[in-house]
């Protein structure tokens, strides 16, 4: 009886250790991804978004204000976001305009990734953590 009990306890311990190892090594890291636009101009800007599902938006961005367009949390690695591709998913058209001044245009293509800057704000195990894609609009972007 004692031998069976020792064998049973040892089997349970080994099963528990193996299960924990599998659980810890198979978990994908988590990523928190932020899309941030900063208005570094002398003008109040408007963010204008349209899409085919009717989720249209117009939001004012004051001078020197930072606007967080969206936050995404999912399993994955920061590396997946380094090119800032698809910084605005589910968006058919997006532009920035100078509020109440149709004579000026903001010459930044927010849907292209060339204007976006990637940064890591926090690192965690296996490439997870927090990261940003930031777009800074300056006076030189307004014509």
N, C-alpha and C. Protein backbone atom coordinates (compact mmCIF):
# COMPACT_ATOMS: atom_id res chain seq x y z
N UNK A 1 0.81 -1.19 0.00
CA UNK A 1 0.00 0.00 0.00
C UNK A 1 0.86 1.26 0.00
N UNK A 2 1.94 1.24 0.80
CA UNK A 2 2.82 2.39 0.89
C UNK A 2 3.55 2.64 -0.44
N UNK A 3 3.95 1.60 -1.14
CA UNK A 3 4.62 1.71 -2.42
C UNK A 3 3.70 2.32 -3.46
N UNK A 4 2.45 1.92 -3.48
CA UNK A 4 1.47 2.48 -4.41
C UNK A 4 1.27 3.97 -4.14
N UNK A 5 1.19 4.34 -2.88
CA UNK A 5 1.00 5.73 -2.49
C UNK A 5 2.19 6.58 -2.91
N UNK A 6 3.42 6.08 -2.69
CA UNK A 6 4.62 6.83 -3.09
C UNK A 6 4.67 6.99 -4.61
N UNK A 7 4.34 5.92 -5.32
CA UNK A 7 4.33 5.96 -6.78
C UNK A 7 3.29 6.97 -7.28
N UNK A 8 2.11 6.95 -6.67
CA UNK A 8 1.04 7.88 -7.06
C UNK A 8 1.46 9.33 -6.81
N UNK A 9 2.07 9.63 -5.68
CA UNK A 9 2.52 10.98 -5.37
C UNK A 9 3.61 11.43 -6.33
N UNK A 10 4.54 10.55 -6.65
CA UNK A 10 5.61 10.88 -7.56
C UNK A 10 5.06 11.13 -8.97
N UNK A 11 4.10 10.32 -9.39
CA UNK A 11 3.47 10.50 -10.70
C UNK A 11 2.74 11.85 -10.76
N UNK A 12 2.02 12.19 -9.71
CA UNK A 12 1.31 13.48 -9.66
C UNK A 12 2.29 14.65 -9.73
N UNK A 13 3.39 14.55 -9.02
CA UNK A 13 4.39 15.62 -9.02
C UNK A 13 5.00 15.79 -10.40
N UNK A 14 5.36 14.67 -11.02
CA UNK A 14 5.94 14.74 -12.37
C UNK A 14 4.95 15.30 -13.38
N UNK A 15 3.70 14.89 -13.28
CA UNK A 15 2.66 15.41 -14.18
C UNK A 15 2.49 16.90 -13.98
N UNK A 16 2.46 17.35 -12.76
CA UNK A 16 2.31 18.78 -12.46
C UNK A 16 3.49 19.58 -13.00
N UNK A 17 4.69 19.10 -12.78
CA UNK A 17 5.89 19.80 -13.28
C UNK A 17 5.88 19.85 -14.80
N UNK A 18 5.57 18.74 -15.45
CA UNK A 18 5.53 18.71 -16.91
C UNK A 18 4.46 19.66 -17.43
N UNK A 19 3.31 19.69 -16.80
CA UNK A 19 2.22 20.58 -17.23
C UNK A 19 2.63 22.04 -17.09
N UNK A 20 3.27 22.38 -16.00
CA UNK A 20 3.72 23.76 -15.80
C UNK A 20 4.77 24.16 -16.83
N UNK A 21 5.70 23.27 -17.13
CA UNK A 21 6.71 23.57 -18.15
C UNK A 21 6.08 23.80 -19.52
N UNK A 22 5.14 22.96 -19.88
CA UNK A 22 4.45 23.13 -21.17
C UNK A 22 3.69 24.44 -21.19
N UNK A 23 3.00 24.74 -20.12
CA UNK A 23 2.22 25.98 -20.05
C UNK A 23 3.11 27.20 -20.15
N UNK A 24 4.21 27.21 -19.44
CA UNK A 24 5.09 28.38 -19.44
C UNK A 24 5.83 28.56 -20.76
N UNK A 25 6.20 27.50 -21.41
CA UNK A 25 6.96 27.63 -22.65
C UNK A 25 6.08 27.80 -23.88
N UNK A 26 4.81 27.49 -23.78
CA UNK A 26 3.95 27.58 -24.96
C UNK A 26 3.18 28.89 -25.03
N UNK A 27 3.23 29.71 -24.01
CA UNK A 27 2.46 30.95 -24.00
C UNK A 27 3.09 31.98 -24.94
N UNK A 28 2.28 32.57 -25.77
CA UNK A 28 2.73 33.68 -26.59
C UNK A 28 2.79 34.92 -25.73
N UNK A 29 3.72 35.82 -26.01
CA UNK A 29 3.77 37.05 -25.24
C UNK A 29 2.60 37.97 -25.61
N UNK A 30 2.31 38.91 -24.78
CA UNK A 30 1.27 39.88 -25.06
C UNK A 30 1.86 41.20 -25.50
N UNK A 31 1.13 41.91 -26.36
CA UNK A 31 1.57 43.21 -26.86
C UNK A 31 0.46 44.23 -26.67
N UNK A 32 0.84 45.39 -26.19
CA UNK A 32 -0.06 46.54 -26.13
C UNK A 32 0.47 47.55 -27.14
N UNK A 33 -0.33 47.84 -28.15
CA UNK A 33 0.10 48.69 -29.26
C UNK A 33 -0.76 49.95 -29.29
N UNK A 34 -0.11 51.11 -29.36
CA UNK A 34 -0.81 52.39 -29.35
C UNK A 34 -0.50 53.16 -30.64
N UNK A 35 -1.51 53.84 -31.15
CA UNK A 35 -1.36 54.73 -32.31
C UNK A 35 -1.57 56.15 -31.80
N UNK A 36 -0.54 56.98 -31.93
CA UNK A 36 -0.57 58.31 -31.33
C UNK A 36 -0.23 59.37 -32.37
N UNK A 37 -1.04 60.44 -32.41
CA UNK A 37 -0.79 61.57 -33.30
C UNK A 37 -0.56 62.80 -32.42
N UNK A 38 0.52 63.54 -32.71
CA UNK A 38 0.82 64.75 -31.96
C UNK A 38 0.74 65.95 -32.88
N UNK A 39 -0.01 66.96 -32.46
CA UNK A 39 -0.16 68.20 -33.21
C UNK A 39 0.88 69.20 -32.73
N UNK A 40 2.01 69.28 -33.43
CA UNK A 40 3.06 70.25 -33.11
C UNK A 40 3.01 71.43 -34.06
N UNK A 41 1.80 71.90 -34.37
CA UNK A 41 1.62 73.04 -35.26
C UNK A 41 1.08 74.23 -34.46
N UNK A 42 0.90 75.33 -35.16
CA UNK A 42 0.30 76.52 -34.56
C UNK A 42 -1.21 76.55 -34.76
N UNK A 43 -1.79 75.45 -35.25
CA UNK A 43 -3.21 75.40 -35.62
C UNK A 43 -3.92 74.25 -34.91
N UNK A 44 -5.20 74.43 -34.67
CA UNK A 44 -6.03 73.31 -34.24
C UNK A 44 -6.31 72.47 -35.48
N UNK A 45 -6.05 71.19 -35.37
CA UNK A 45 -6.27 70.28 -36.50
C UNK A 45 -7.53 69.46 -36.24
N UNK A 46 -8.05 68.92 -37.31
CA UNK A 46 -9.16 67.98 -37.20
C UNK A 46 -8.74 66.67 -37.85
N UNK A 47 -9.03 65.62 -37.15
CA UNK A 47 -8.82 64.26 -37.62
C UNK A 47 -10.16 63.83 -38.22
N UNK A 48 -10.15 63.46 -39.49
CA UNK A 48 -11.38 63.09 -40.19
C UNK A 48 -11.21 61.68 -40.74
N UNK A 49 -12.06 60.75 -40.24
CA UNK A 49 -11.98 59.34 -40.66
C UNK A 49 -13.32 58.91 -41.23
N UNK A 50 -13.26 58.19 -42.33
CA UNK A 50 -14.46 57.58 -42.90
C UNK A 50 -14.16 56.12 -43.22
N UNK A 51 -15.21 55.30 -43.16
CA UNK A 51 -15.06 53.92 -43.57
C UNK A 51 -16.40 53.39 -44.07
N UNK A 52 -16.35 52.24 -44.66
CA UNK A 52 -17.53 51.68 -45.32
C UNK A 52 -18.59 51.17 -44.36
N UNK A 53 -18.25 51.00 -43.09
CA UNK A 53 -19.25 50.48 -42.15
C UNK A 53 -19.97 51.61 -41.40
N UNK A 54 -19.69 52.86 -41.78
CA UNK A 54 -20.40 53.99 -41.21
C UNK A 54 -19.84 54.48 -39.89
N UNK A 55 -18.67 54.04 -39.53
CA UNK A 55 -18.03 54.48 -38.29
C UNK A 55 -17.15 55.69 -38.59
N UNK A 56 -17.79 56.81 -38.91
CA UNK A 56 -17.07 58.02 -39.30
C UNK A 56 -16.82 58.90 -38.08
N UNK A 57 -15.71 59.63 -38.12
CA UNK A 57 -15.30 60.42 -36.97
C UNK A 57 -14.67 61.73 -37.40
N UNK A 58 -14.90 62.79 -36.63
CA UNK A 58 -14.16 64.04 -36.75
C UNK A 58 -13.82 64.47 -35.34
N UNK A 59 -12.54 64.61 -35.07
CA UNK A 59 -12.08 64.95 -33.72
C UNK A 59 -11.08 66.09 -33.82
N UNK A 60 -11.26 67.09 -32.95
CA UNK A 60 -10.32 68.21 -32.87
C UNK A 60 -9.07 67.80 -32.10
N UNK A 61 -7.92 68.25 -32.61
CA UNK A 61 -6.64 68.03 -31.92
C UNK A 61 -6.04 69.42 -31.70
N UNK A 62 -6.03 69.87 -30.48
CA UNK A 62 -5.55 71.21 -30.15
C UNK A 62 -4.04 71.32 -30.36
N UNK A 63 -3.55 72.54 -30.39
CA UNK A 63 -2.12 72.81 -30.53
C UNK A 63 -1.36 72.10 -29.41
N UNK A 64 -0.28 71.43 -29.79
CA UNK A 64 0.58 70.68 -28.86
C UNK A 64 -0.15 69.58 -28.10
N UNK A 65 -1.23 69.10 -28.65
CA UNK A 65 -1.98 68.02 -28.01
C UNK A 65 -1.59 66.69 -28.64
N UNK A 66 -1.58 65.65 -27.81
CA UNK A 66 -1.34 64.30 -28.27
C UNK A 66 -2.68 63.57 -28.29
N UNK A 67 -2.96 62.91 -29.38
CA UNK A 67 -4.23 62.22 -29.57
C UNK A 67 -3.95 60.74 -29.78
N UNK A 68 -4.49 59.90 -28.91
CA UNK A 68 -4.33 58.46 -29.09
C UNK A 68 -5.51 57.95 -29.89
N UNK A 69 -5.21 57.57 -31.13
CA UNK A 69 -6.27 57.10 -32.03
C UNK A 69 -6.84 55.78 -31.55
N UNK A 70 -5.97 54.87 -31.17
CA UNK A 70 -6.46 53.54 -30.79
C UNK A 70 -5.41 52.81 -29.98
N UNK A 71 -5.88 51.81 -29.30
CA UNK A 71 -5.01 50.91 -28.55
C UNK A 71 -5.44 49.49 -28.87
N UNK A 72 -4.48 48.66 -29.09
CA UNK A 72 -4.75 47.26 -29.42
C UNK A 72 -3.95 46.38 -28.48
N UNK A 73 -4.60 45.41 -27.90
CA UNK A 73 -3.90 44.45 -27.05
C UNK A 73 -4.17 43.05 -27.59
N UNK A 74 -3.09 42.30 -27.80
CA UNK A 74 -3.26 40.95 -28.33
C UNK A 74 -2.02 40.13 -28.05
N UNK A 75 -2.10 38.86 -28.37
CA UNK A 75 -0.93 38.00 -28.28
C UNK A 75 -0.04 38.29 -29.47
N UNK A 76 1.23 38.31 -29.23
CA UNK A 76 2.16 38.56 -30.32
C UNK A 76 3.45 39.17 -29.80
N UNK A 77 4.21 39.72 -30.71
CA UNK A 77 5.49 40.33 -30.37
C UNK A 77 5.54 41.76 -30.90
N UNK A 78 6.34 42.60 -30.23
CA UNK A 78 6.49 43.99 -30.67
C UNK A 78 7.00 44.06 -32.10
N UNK A 79 7.82 43.12 -32.49
CA UNK A 79 8.41 43.11 -33.83
C UNK A 79 7.34 43.17 -34.93
N UNK A 80 6.16 42.61 -34.66
CA UNK A 80 5.08 42.60 -35.66
C UNK A 80 4.61 44.01 -36.02
N UNK A 81 4.90 44.99 -35.19
CA UNK A 81 4.41 46.35 -35.39
C UNK A 81 5.49 47.33 -35.83
N UNK A 82 6.74 46.87 -35.94
CA UNK A 82 7.86 47.77 -36.18
C UNK A 82 7.74 48.62 -37.44
N UNK A 83 7.05 48.14 -38.45
CA UNK A 83 6.93 48.94 -39.68
C UNK A 83 5.72 49.87 -39.65
N UNK A 84 4.97 49.86 -38.54
CA UNK A 84 3.77 50.70 -38.37
C UNK A 84 2.76 50.49 -39.49
N UNK A 85 2.83 49.34 -40.12
CA UNK A 85 1.88 48.99 -41.18
C UNK A 85 0.48 48.91 -40.58
N UNK A 86 -0.48 49.31 -41.35
CA UNK A 86 -1.88 49.27 -40.91
C UNK A 86 -2.10 50.01 -39.59
N UNK A 87 -1.52 51.19 -39.50
CA UNK A 87 -1.68 51.99 -38.29
C UNK A 87 -3.13 52.39 -38.07
N UNK A 88 -3.92 52.39 -39.13
CA UNK A 88 -5.34 52.71 -39.02
C UNK A 88 -6.17 51.63 -39.70
N UNK A 89 -6.39 50.50 -39.02
CA UNK A 89 -7.17 49.43 -39.64
C UNK A 89 -8.64 49.82 -39.77
N UNK A 90 -9.31 49.20 -40.69
CA UNK A 90 -10.74 49.41 -40.92
C UNK A 90 -11.06 50.86 -41.30
N UNK A 91 -10.13 51.51 -41.96
CA UNK A 91 -10.33 52.90 -42.35
C UNK A 91 -10.19 53.01 -43.86
N UNK A 92 -11.20 53.56 -44.50
CA UNK A 92 -11.15 53.75 -45.95
C UNK A 92 -10.45 55.06 -46.31
N UNK A 93 -10.71 56.09 -45.53
CA UNK A 93 -10.10 57.40 -45.79
C UNK A 93 -9.82 58.08 -44.46
N UNK A 94 -8.68 58.71 -44.40
CA UNK A 94 -8.28 59.42 -43.20
C UNK A 94 -7.47 60.62 -43.62
N UNK A 95 -7.76 61.75 -43.01
CA UNK A 95 -6.97 62.93 -43.30
C UNK A 95 -7.00 63.85 -42.09
N UNK A 96 -6.05 64.76 -42.10
CA UNK A 96 -6.02 65.82 -41.11
C UNK A 96 -6.23 67.13 -41.85
N UNK A 97 -7.05 67.99 -41.28
CA UNK A 97 -7.29 69.30 -41.88
C UNK A 97 -7.08 70.37 -40.82
N UNK A 98 -6.79 71.59 -41.28
CA UNK A 98 -6.70 72.73 -40.37
C UNK A 98 -8.13 73.19 -40.10
N UNK A 99 -8.50 73.23 -38.85
CA UNK A 99 -9.88 73.58 -38.48
C UNK A 99 -10.17 75.03 -38.86
N UNK A 100 -11.29 75.22 -39.52
CA UNK A 100 -11.80 76.55 -39.90
C UNK A 100 -10.87 77.32 -40.83
N UNK A 101 -10.05 76.63 -41.62
CA UNK A 101 -9.19 77.31 -42.58
C UNK A 101 -9.01 76.43 -43.81
N UNK A 102 -9.88 76.60 -44.79
CA UNK A 102 -9.82 75.77 -46.00
C UNK A 102 -8.68 76.17 -46.94
N UNK A 103 -8.00 77.29 -46.67
CA UNK A 103 -6.89 77.70 -47.54
C UNK A 103 -5.61 76.91 -47.23
N UNK A 104 -5.57 76.22 -46.11
CA UNK A 104 -4.38 75.45 -45.73
C UNK A 104 -4.69 73.95 -45.81
N UNK A 105 -3.68 73.19 -46.22
CA UNK A 105 -3.83 71.74 -46.26
C UNK A 105 -2.71 71.08 -45.47
N UNK A 106 -3.04 69.97 -44.84
CA UNK A 106 -2.04 69.19 -44.11
C UNK A 106 -1.54 68.13 -45.08
N UNK A 107 -0.28 68.22 -45.44
CA UNK A 107 0.29 67.34 -46.45
C UNK A 107 1.01 66.15 -45.82
N UNK A 108 0.25 65.37 -45.09
CA UNK A 108 0.75 64.15 -44.47
C UNK A 108 -0.21 63.04 -44.85
N UNK A 109 0.35 61.92 -45.30
CA UNK A 109 -0.48 60.77 -45.61
C UNK A 109 -0.50 59.84 -44.40
N UNK A 110 -1.53 59.94 -43.56
CA UNK A 110 -1.55 59.14 -42.35
C UNK A 110 -1.74 57.64 -42.60
N UNK A 111 -2.21 57.27 -43.78
CA UNK A 111 -2.41 55.85 -44.08
C UNK A 111 -1.14 55.18 -44.58
N UNK A 112 -0.16 55.98 -44.98
CA UNK A 112 1.13 55.41 -45.38
C UNK A 112 2.01 55.27 -44.16
N UNK A 113 2.88 54.27 -44.14
CA UNK A 113 3.69 54.04 -42.95
C UNK A 113 4.97 54.86 -42.94
N UNK A 114 5.26 55.61 -44.00
CA UNK A 114 6.52 56.34 -44.08
C UNK A 114 6.62 57.47 -43.05
N UNK A 115 5.50 58.03 -42.64
CA UNK A 115 5.50 59.15 -41.71
C UNK A 115 5.47 58.72 -40.24
N UNK A 116 5.30 57.45 -39.99
CA UNK A 116 5.14 56.96 -38.63
C UNK A 116 6.47 56.56 -38.02
N UNK A 117 6.61 56.76 -36.72
CA UNK A 117 7.83 56.40 -36.00
C UNK A 117 7.48 55.36 -34.94
N UNK A 118 8.21 54.26 -34.96
CA UNK A 118 7.98 53.17 -34.01
C UNK A 118 8.85 53.36 -32.78
N UNK A 119 8.28 53.07 -31.61
CA UNK A 119 9.08 53.09 -30.38
C UNK A 119 8.56 52.02 -29.42
N UNK A 120 9.48 51.48 -28.64
CA UNK A 120 9.14 50.51 -27.60
C UNK A 120 9.07 51.26 -26.28
N UNK A 121 7.97 51.08 -25.56
CA UNK A 121 7.81 51.74 -24.27
C UNK A 121 8.00 50.78 -23.10
N UNK A 122 7.89 49.48 -23.36
CA UNK A 122 8.07 48.49 -22.30
C UNK A 122 8.38 47.14 -22.95
N UNK A 123 9.35 46.44 -22.41
CA UNK A 123 9.71 45.12 -22.92
C UNK A 123 9.34 44.06 -21.90
N UNK A 124 8.85 42.93 -22.41
CA UNK A 124 8.58 41.79 -21.54
C UNK A 124 9.16 40.53 -22.19
N UNK A 125 8.97 39.41 -21.54
CA UNK A 125 9.54 38.15 -22.03
C UNK A 125 9.09 37.80 -23.44
N UNK A 126 9.96 37.16 -24.17
CA UNK A 126 9.67 36.61 -25.50
C UNK A 126 9.23 37.65 -26.52
N UNK A 127 9.66 38.90 -26.37
CA UNK A 127 9.35 39.92 -27.38
C UNK A 127 8.05 40.65 -27.17
N UNK A 128 7.36 40.41 -26.07
CA UNK A 128 6.11 41.12 -25.78
C UNK A 128 6.40 42.49 -25.19
N UNK A 129 5.34 43.17 -24.74
CA UNK A 129 5.50 44.47 -24.11
C UNK A 129 4.58 45.50 -24.71
N UNK A 130 4.99 46.76 -24.62
CA UNK A 130 4.20 47.88 -25.14
C UNK A 130 5.00 48.63 -26.19
N UNK A 131 4.30 49.10 -27.22
CA UNK A 131 4.96 49.86 -28.27
C UNK A 131 3.99 50.89 -28.86
N UNK A 132 4.56 51.89 -29.50
CA UNK A 132 3.79 52.97 -30.13
C UNK A 132 4.20 53.14 -31.58
N UNK A 133 3.26 53.57 -32.38
CA UNK A 133 3.56 54.17 -33.67
C UNK A 133 3.06 55.61 -33.55
N UNK A 134 3.98 56.55 -33.71
CA UNK A 134 3.66 57.96 -33.50
C UNK A 134 3.80 58.75 -34.79
N UNK A 135 2.91 59.70 -34.95
CA UNK A 135 2.93 60.61 -36.09
C UNK A 135 2.94 62.02 -35.52
N UNK A 136 3.98 62.80 -35.85
CA UNK A 136 4.05 64.18 -35.41
C UNK A 136 3.78 65.09 -36.60
N UNK A 137 2.78 65.93 -36.46
CA UNK A 137 2.46 66.89 -37.52
C UNK A 137 3.01 68.24 -37.09
N UNK A 138 3.83 68.83 -37.96
CA UNK A 138 4.48 70.12 -37.65
C UNK A 138 4.04 71.17 -38.65
N UNK A 139 4.44 72.43 -38.42
CA UNK A 139 4.11 73.53 -39.32
C UNK A 139 4.63 73.27 -40.74
N UNK A 140 5.74 72.57 -40.86
CA UNK A 140 6.28 72.29 -42.20
C UNK A 140 5.40 71.35 -43.00
N UNK A 141 4.47 70.65 -42.33
CA UNK A 141 3.54 69.75 -43.02
C UNK A 141 2.29 70.49 -43.52
N UNK A 142 2.18 71.77 -43.22
CA UNK A 142 0.99 72.55 -43.61
C UNK A 142 1.38 73.52 -44.71
N UNK A 143 0.63 73.49 -45.80
CA UNK A 143 0.89 74.35 -46.96
C UNK A 143 -0.30 75.24 -47.22
